[in-house]
N, C-alpha and C. Protein backbone atom coordinates (compact mmCIF):
# COMPACT_ATOMS: atom_id res chain seq x y z
N MET A 1 -4.42 -29.63 -19.52
CA MET A 1 -5.48 -29.72 -18.52
C MET A 1 -4.98 -30.43 -17.27
N GLU A 2 -4.12 -31.40 -17.48
CA GLU A 2 -3.57 -32.16 -16.34
C GLU A 2 -2.74 -31.25 -15.43
N MET A 3 -1.95 -30.38 -16.03
CA MET A 3 -1.11 -29.46 -15.26
C MET A 3 -1.99 -28.49 -14.47
N PHE A 4 -3.09 -28.03 -15.06
CA PHE A 4 -4.01 -27.14 -14.37
C PHE A 4 -4.60 -27.82 -13.13
N LEU A 5 -5.02 -29.06 -13.26
CA LEU A 5 -5.61 -29.78 -12.14
C LEU A 5 -4.60 -30.01 -11.02
N VAL A 6 -3.39 -30.34 -11.38
CA VAL A 6 -2.34 -30.54 -10.37
C VAL A 6 -2.06 -29.23 -9.64
N THR A 7 -1.95 -28.15 -10.39
CA THR A 7 -1.71 -26.84 -9.79
C THR A 7 -2.87 -26.44 -8.89
N PHE A 8 -4.10 -26.67 -9.34
CA PHE A 8 -5.28 -26.33 -8.56
C PHE A 8 -5.32 -27.10 -7.25
N VAL A 9 -5.03 -28.38 -7.29
CA VAL A 9 -5.03 -29.21 -6.08
C VAL A 9 -3.94 -28.75 -5.12
N VAL A 10 -2.78 -28.45 -5.64
CA VAL A 10 -1.69 -27.98 -4.79
C VAL A 10 -2.08 -26.66 -4.10
N MET A 11 -2.68 -25.76 -4.84
CA MET A 11 -3.10 -24.49 -4.26
C MET A 11 -4.18 -24.70 -3.20
N LEU A 12 -5.11 -25.61 -3.44
CA LEU A 12 -6.14 -25.92 -2.44
C LEU A 12 -5.52 -26.46 -1.15
N VAL A 13 -4.53 -27.31 -1.29
CA VAL A 13 -3.86 -27.87 -0.12
C VAL A 13 -3.14 -26.76 0.66
N VAL A 14 -2.48 -25.87 -0.05
CA VAL A 14 -1.77 -24.76 0.60
C VAL A 14 -2.74 -23.86 1.35
N VAL A 15 -3.85 -23.51 0.72
CA VAL A 15 -4.85 -22.66 1.37
C VAL A 15 -5.44 -23.37 2.59
N ALA A 16 -5.71 -24.66 2.48
CA ALA A 16 -6.25 -25.42 3.61
C ALA A 16 -5.26 -25.46 4.77
N LEU A 17 -3.99 -25.65 4.48
CA LEU A 17 -2.98 -25.66 5.54
C LEU A 17 -2.85 -24.29 6.21
N MET A 18 -2.94 -23.22 5.42
CA MET A 18 -2.89 -21.89 6.02
C MET A 18 -4.11 -21.64 6.90
N ALA A 19 -5.27 -22.11 6.47
CA ALA A 19 -6.49 -21.93 7.26
C ALA A 19 -6.39 -22.70 8.58
N ILE A 20 -5.85 -23.88 8.53
CA ILE A 20 -5.67 -24.67 9.76
C ILE A 20 -4.68 -23.96 10.68
N GLY A 21 -3.63 -23.39 10.12
CA GLY A 21 -2.66 -22.66 10.92
C GLY A 21 -3.28 -21.45 11.61
N VAL A 22 -4.16 -20.76 10.92
CA VAL A 22 -4.83 -19.60 11.52
C VAL A 22 -5.77 -20.06 12.62
N MET A 23 -6.50 -21.14 12.40
CA MET A 23 -7.45 -21.62 13.41
C MET A 23 -6.75 -22.06 14.69
N PHE A 24 -5.60 -22.68 14.56
CA PHE A 24 -4.91 -23.16 15.75
C PHE A 24 -3.96 -22.13 16.34
N GLY A 25 -3.57 -21.12 15.57
CA GLY A 25 -2.65 -20.10 16.05
C GLY A 25 -3.31 -19.16 17.04
N ARG A 26 -4.40 -18.56 16.66
CA ARG A 26 -5.19 -17.66 17.50
C ARG A 26 -4.42 -16.48 18.07
N ARG A 27 -3.32 -16.09 17.49
CA ARG A 27 -2.60 -14.91 17.97
C ARG A 27 -2.92 -13.74 17.05
N ALA A 28 -2.92 -12.56 17.61
CA ALA A 28 -3.19 -11.38 16.81
C ALA A 28 -2.04 -11.16 15.83
N ILE A 29 -2.37 -10.62 14.70
CA ILE A 29 -1.34 -10.28 13.72
C ILE A 29 -0.56 -9.10 14.27
N LYS A 30 0.74 -9.26 14.36
CA LYS A 30 1.58 -8.21 14.93
C LYS A 30 2.09 -7.30 13.84
N GLY A 31 2.13 -6.04 14.15
CA GLY A 31 2.62 -5.09 13.17
C GLY A 31 3.14 -3.85 13.87
N SER A 32 3.35 -2.85 13.12
CA SER A 32 3.84 -1.59 13.66
C SER A 32 2.73 -0.86 14.39
N CYS A 33 3.06 -0.22 15.48
CA CYS A 33 2.06 0.58 16.21
C CYS A 33 1.68 1.82 15.43
N GLY A 34 2.56 2.34 14.61
CA GLY A 34 2.31 3.60 13.94
C GLY A 34 2.00 3.45 12.47
N GLY A 35 1.37 2.40 12.07
CA GLY A 35 1.05 2.20 10.66
C GLY A 35 -0.19 2.96 10.25
N LEU A 36 -0.79 2.57 9.16
CA LEU A 36 -1.99 3.22 8.65
C LEU A 36 -3.21 2.91 9.51
N ASN A 37 -3.16 1.82 10.24
CA ASN A 37 -4.27 1.44 11.09
C ASN A 37 -4.35 2.40 12.27
N THR A 38 -5.45 3.09 12.42
CA THR A 38 -5.59 4.05 13.51
C THR A 38 -6.36 3.46 14.67
N GLY A 39 -6.60 2.16 14.65
CA GLY A 39 -7.34 1.51 15.72
C GLY A 39 -6.43 1.17 16.89
N ASN A 40 -6.79 0.20 17.64
CA ASN A 40 -6.03 -0.19 18.82
C ASN A 40 -4.70 -0.81 18.43
N CYS A 41 -3.70 -0.52 19.21
CA CYS A 41 -2.37 -1.07 19.00
C CYS A 41 -2.31 -2.45 19.64
N VAL A 42 -1.79 -3.45 18.92
CA VAL A 42 -1.69 -4.79 19.47
C VAL A 42 -0.35 -5.01 20.18
N CYS A 43 0.48 -3.98 20.23
CA CYS A 43 1.77 -4.10 20.90
C CYS A 43 1.57 -4.16 22.41
N VAL A 44 2.41 -4.91 23.09
CA VAL A 44 2.36 -4.97 24.55
C VAL A 44 2.79 -3.62 25.12
N LYS A 45 3.89 -3.12 24.63
CA LYS A 45 4.37 -1.80 25.04
C LYS A 45 4.29 -0.89 23.82
N LYS A 46 3.62 0.24 23.96
CA LYS A 46 3.45 1.15 22.83
C LYS A 46 4.78 1.79 22.46
N CYS A 47 5.03 1.85 21.15
CA CYS A 47 6.28 2.42 20.67
C CYS A 47 6.19 3.95 20.69
N ASP A 48 7.34 4.60 20.53
CA ASP A 48 7.41 6.06 20.60
C ASP A 48 6.53 6.72 19.54
N LYS A 49 6.50 6.14 18.36
CA LYS A 49 5.71 6.71 17.28
C LYS A 49 4.22 6.71 17.64
N ARG A 50 3.74 5.63 18.25
CA ARG A 50 2.34 5.53 18.65
C ARG A 50 2.02 6.51 19.78
N LEU A 51 2.91 6.61 20.77
CA LEU A 51 2.69 7.55 21.87
C LEU A 51 2.62 8.99 21.38
N LYS A 52 3.50 9.34 20.43
CA LYS A 52 3.51 10.69 19.87
C LYS A 52 2.21 10.95 19.10
N MET A 53 1.76 9.96 18.33
CA MET A 53 0.53 10.12 17.55
C MET A 53 -0.67 10.29 18.47
N GLU A 54 -0.74 9.55 19.57
CA GLU A 54 -1.84 9.67 20.50
C GLU A 54 -1.81 11.02 21.23
N ALA A 55 -0.62 11.51 21.57
CA ALA A 55 -0.49 12.81 22.23
C ALA A 55 -0.95 13.93 21.29
N GLU A 56 -0.61 13.85 20.02
CA GLU A 56 -1.04 14.85 19.04
C GLU A 56 -2.54 14.83 18.86
N ALA A 57 -3.14 13.64 18.89
CA ALA A 57 -4.59 13.51 18.73
C ALA A 57 -5.32 14.13 19.92
N GLU A 58 -4.77 13.96 21.11
CA GLU A 58 -5.39 14.54 22.31
C GLU A 58 -5.27 16.06 22.34
N ALA A 59 -4.16 16.57 21.79
CA ALA A 59 -3.92 18.01 21.80
C ALA A 59 -4.85 18.75 20.82
N SER A 60 -5.27 18.07 19.78
CA SER A 60 -6.11 18.77 18.79
C SER A 60 -7.57 18.53 18.97
């Protein structure tokens, strides 16, 4: 039981630190422009794959 409590507390501390990092970071999660997400691209400059996908969408 002691090991469970120690592990639980450590995990709570890790989750709290990650939450604080997200709150103070405030940057968008960066990823590939041409992934499964069909929403807005967060890239500053759109990559070739994203431009091609948008051109195909406009053509159809």
